[in-house]
């Protein structure tokens, strides 16, 4: 089975951060902490045929080593080398191509840009 090598940049003021990742709903794989002079956690993740998503979780614990005091999860869906061209708005000044709401990432759904659908000023 082929593997992928994701890396995760974790922004924390703590040194005891731990990370893990997985492909789709597969088994969680521990991620190695950054090497000296590096900033990203890394891992080799088995990538099954047809897998579409990599999920990374990062957390740190209280002094007891058990109680999670901070936790975050993010997922990406890698794309191939071919990117689709975004369509232009049907009418200039409309919100035909506004960014849709994505509450998990802080997007309210009412923003027109910055994006490639904006006007050429």
C-alpha atoms as a PDB file:
ATOM      1  CA  UNK A   1       0.000   0.000   0.000  1.00  0.00           C
ATOM      2  CA  UNK A   2       1.412   3.426  -0.874  1.00  0.00           C
ATOM      3  CA  UNK A   3       2.002   5.993   1.849  1.00  0.00           C
ATOM      4  CA  UNK A   4       1.723   9.760   2.110  1.00  0.00           C
ATOM      5  CA  UNK A   5       3.889  11.969   4.310  1.00  0.00           C
ATOM      6  CA  UNK A   6       1.763  14.740   5.785  1.00  0.00           C
ATOM      7  CA  UNK A   7       3.288  17.432   7.936  1.00  0.00           C
ATOM      8  CA  UNK A   8       1.462  19.545  10.502  1.00  0.00           C
ATOM      9  CA  UNK A   9       2.462  22.953  11.800  1.00  0.00           C
ATOM     10  CA  UNK A  10       1.095  23.311  15.331  1.00  0.00           C
ATOM     11  CA  UNK A  11       1.031  26.826  16.749  1.00  0.00           C
ATOM     12  CA  UNK A  12       1.401  26.477  20.499  1.00  0.00           C
ATOM     13  CA  UNK A  13       3.512  27.980  23.241  1.00  0.00           C
ATOM     14  CA  UNK A  14       3.848  24.539  24.833  1.00  0.00           C
ATOM     15  CA  UNK A  15       6.575  22.001  24.170  1.00  0.00           C
ATOM     16  CA  UNK A  16       4.483  18.944  25.130  1.00  0.00           C
ATOM     17  CA  UNK A  17       2.192  18.978  22.081  1.00  0.00           C
ATOM     18  CA  UNK A  18       1.336  15.592  20.578  1.00  0.00           C
ATOM     19  CA  UNK A  19      -0.084  14.874  17.113  1.00  0.00           C
ATOM     20  CA  UNK A  20      -1.627  12.013  15.217  1.00  0.00           C
ATOM     21  CA  UNK A  21      -3.113  11.619  11.741  1.00  0.00           C
ATOM     22  CA  UNK A  22      -5.060   9.202   9.577  1.00  0.00           C
ATOM     23  CA  UNK A  23      -6.292   8.697   6.025  1.00  0.00           C
ATOM     24  CA  UNK A  24     -10.097   8.792   5.767  1.00  0.00           C
ATOM     25  CA  UNK A  25     -11.422   6.615   8.636  1.00  0.00           C
ATOM     26  CA  UNK A  26      -8.281   4.479   8.944  1.00  0.00           C
ATOM     27  CA  UNK A  27      -6.158   3.832  12.007  1.00  0.00           C
ATOM     28  CA  UNK A  28      -4.567   6.789  13.764  1.00  0.00           C
ATOM     29  CA  UNK A  29      -0.809   7.110  13.211  1.00  0.00           C
ATOM     30  CA  UNK A  30       1.378   8.996  15.709  1.00  0.00           C
ATOM     31  CA  UNK A  31       3.260  11.925  14.227  1.00  0.00           C
ATOM     32  CA  UNK A  32       6.915  12.546  15.078  1.00  0.00           C
ATOM     33  CA  UNK A  33       7.662  15.875  16.744  1.00  0.00           C
ATOM     34  CA  UNK A  34       9.665  18.449  14.798  1.00  0.00           C
ATOM     35  CA  UNK A  35      13.379  17.792  14.517  1.00  0.00           C
ATOM     36  CA  UNK A  36      15.711  20.457  15.855  1.00  0.00           C
ATOM     37  CA  UNK A  37      15.392  23.552  13.683  1.00  0.00           C
ATOM     38  CA  UNK A  38      12.161  22.285  12.066  1.00  0.00           C
ATOM     39  CA  UNK A  39       8.573  23.366  12.764  1.00  0.00           C
ATOM     40  CA  UNK A  40       6.350  20.516  11.548  1.00  0.00           C
ATOM     41  CA  UNK A  41       5.222  17.182  12.950  1.00  0.00           C
ATOM     42  CA  UNK A  42       5.581  14.396  10.351  1.00  0.00           C
ATOM     43  CA  UNK A  43       4.399  10.841   9.697  1.00  0.00           C
ATOM     44  CA  UNK A  44       4.141   8.190   7.000  1.00  0.00           C
ATOM     45  CA  UNK A  45       0.477   7.293   6.596  1.00  0.00           C
ATOM     46  CA  UNK A  46      -0.771   4.235   4.685  1.00  0.00           C
ATOM     47  CA  UNK A  47      -2.839   5.600   1.788  1.00  0.00           C
ATOM     48  CA  UNK A  48      -5.480   3.080   0.631  1.00  0.00           C
ATOM     49  CA  UNK A  49      -6.733   3.124  -2.947  1.00  0.00           C
ATOM     50  CA  UNK A  50      -9.456   5.767  -3.221  1.00  0.00           C
ATOM     51  CA  UNK A  51      -8.590   7.598   0.036  1.00  0.00           C
ATOM     52  CA  UNK A  52      -9.662  11.232  -0.082  1.00  0.00           C
ATOM     53  CA  UNK A  53      -8.889  12.941   3.237  1.00  0.00           C
ATOM     54  CA  UNK A  54      -6.085  13.346   5.780  1.00  0.00           C
ATOM     55  CA  UNK A  55      -7.116  14.297   9.314  1.00  0.00           C
ATOM     56  CA  UNK A  56      -4.655  15.602  11.909  1.00  0.00           C
ATOM     57  CA  UNK A  57      -5.302  16.026  15.621  1.00  0.00           C
ATOM     58  CA  UNK A  58      -3.055  17.968  18.009  1.00  0.00           C
ATOM     59  CA  UNK A  59      -3.338  18.319  21.770  1.00  0.00           C
ATOM     60  CA  UNK A  60      -1.463  18.933  24.972  1.00  0.00           C
ATOM     61  CA  UNK A  61      -2.258  17.797  28.466  1.00  0.00           C
ATOM     62  CA  UNK A  62      -2.136  19.095  32.001  1.00  0.00           C
ATOM     63  CA  UNK A  63       0.766  18.186  34.289  1.00  0.00           C
ATOM     64  CA  UNK A  64      -0.924  14.882  35.145  1.00  0.00           C
ATOM     65  CA  UNK A  65      -0.345  13.775  31.539  1.00  0.00           C
ATOM     66  CA  UNK A  66      -3.969  12.641  31.197  1.00  0.00           C
ATOM     67  CA  UNK A  67      -6.238  15.698  31.190  1.00  0.00           C
ATOM     68  CA  UNK A  68      -6.387  17.296  27.746  1.00  0.00           C
ATOM     69  CA  UNK A  69      -6.147  21.067  28.136  1.00  0.00           C
ATOM     70  CA  UNK A  70      -6.115  22.038  24.451  1.00  0.00           C
ATOM     71  CA  UNK A  71      -7.232  20.117  21.385  1.00  0.00           C
ATOM     72  CA  UNK A  72      -7.658  20.846  17.675  1.00  0.00           C
ATOM     73  CA  UNK A  73      -8.489  18.811  14.591  1.00  0.00           C
ATOM     74  CA  UNK A  74      -8.138  19.716  10.929  1.00  0.00           C
ATOM     75  CA  UNK A  75      -8.692  17.775   7.726  1.00  0.00           C
ATOM     76  CA  UNK A  76      -7.654  18.386   4.150  1.00  0.00           C
ATOM     77  CA  UNK A  77      -8.692  16.757   0.919  1.00  0.00           C
ATOM     78  CA  UNK A  78      -5.638  16.775  -1.362  1.00  0.00           C
ATOM     79  CA  UNK A  79      -6.367  17.409  -5.013  1.00  0.00           C
ATOM     80  CA  UNK A  80      -4.676  16.195  -8.161  1.00  0.00           C
ATOM     81  CA  UNK A  81      -2.470  18.385 -10.319  1.00  0.00           C
ATOM     82  CA  UNK A  82      -5.411  19.553 -12.428  1.00  0.00           C
ATOM     83  CA  UNK A  83      -7.368  22.448 -10.954  1.00  0.00           C
ATOM     84  CA  UNK A  84     -10.766  23.538 -12.168  1.00  0.00           C
ATOM     85  CA  UNK A  85     -11.087  27.131 -13.336  1.00  0.00           C
ATOM     86  CA  UNK A  86     -13.522  29.105 -11.241  1.00  0.00           C
ATOM     87  CA  UNK A  87     -16.410  30.619 -13.187  1.00  0.00           C
ATOM     88  CA  UNK A  88     -16.759  34.406 -13.407  1.00  0.00           C
ATOM     89  CA  UNK A  89     -19.816  36.087 -11.881  1.00  0.00           C
ATOM     90  CA  UNK A  90     -22.875  36.270 -14.106  1.00  0.00           C
ATOM     91  CA  UNK A  91     -23.353  39.917 -13.212  1.00  0.00           C
ATOM     92  CA  UNK A  92     -20.602  42.247 -11.971  1.00  0.00           C
ATOM     93  CA  UNK A  93     -21.210  43.327  -8.402  1.00  0.00           C
ATOM     94  CA  UNK A  94     -23.388  40.365  -7.424  1.00  0.00           C
ATOM     95  CA  UNK A  95     -22.664  37.743  -4.830  1.00  0.00           C
ATOM     96  CA  UNK A  96     -23.170  34.862  -7.270  1.00  0.00           C
ATOM     97  CA  UNK A  97     -19.821  33.413  -6.239  1.00  0.00           C
ATOM     98  CA  UNK A  98     -19.693  34.351  -2.567  1.00  0.00           C
ATOM     99  CA  UNK A  99     -17.793  32.073  -0.240  1.00  0.00           C
ATOM    100  CA  UNK A 100     -20.238  29.600   1.307  1.00  0.00           C
ATOM    101  CA  UNK A 101     -20.655  29.361   5.080  1.00  0.00           C
ATOM    102  CA  UNK A 102     -18.112  27.115   6.788  1.00  0.00           C
ATOM    103  CA  UNK A 103     -18.600  27.689  10.532  1.00  0.00           C
ATOM    104  CA  UNK A 104     -15.831  25.259  11.548  1.00  0.00           C
ATOM    105  CA  UNK A 105     -13.313  27.564   9.850  1.00  0.00           C
ATOM    106  CA  UNK A 106     -14.886  30.872  10.891  1.00  0.00           C
ATOM    107  CA  UNK A 107     -16.491  31.710   7.508  1.00  0.00           C
ATOM    108  CA  UNK A 108     -19.925  33.277   7.859  1.00  0.00           C
ATOM    109  CA  UNK A 109     -20.954  32.858   4.230  1.00  0.00           C
ATOM    110  CA  UNK A 110     -21.314  36.525   3.393  1.00  0.00           C
ATOM    111  CA  UNK A 111     -17.800  37.352   2.153  1.00  0.00           C
ATOM    112  CA  UNK A 112     -17.200  38.141  -1.520  1.00  0.00           C
ATOM    113  CA  UNK A 113     -13.417  37.961  -1.376  1.00  0.00           C
ATOM    114  CA  UNK A 114     -10.534  37.906  -1.420  1.00  0.00           C
ATOM    115  CA  UNK A 115     -10.948  35.125  -3.886  1.00  0.00           C
ATOM    116  CA  UNK A 116     -10.459  34.418  -7.561  1.00  0.00           C
ATOM    117  CA  UNK A 117     -14.054  35.345  -8.269  1.00  0.00           C
ATOM    118  CA  UNK A 118     -13.378  39.003  -7.464  1.00  0.00           C
ATOM    119  CA  UNK A 119     -13.191  41.753 -10.052  1.00  0.00           C
ATOM    120  CA  UNK A 120     -10.011  42.554 -12.001  1.00  0.00           C
ATOM    121  CA  UNK A 121      -9.231  46.001 -10.567  1.00  0.00           C
END
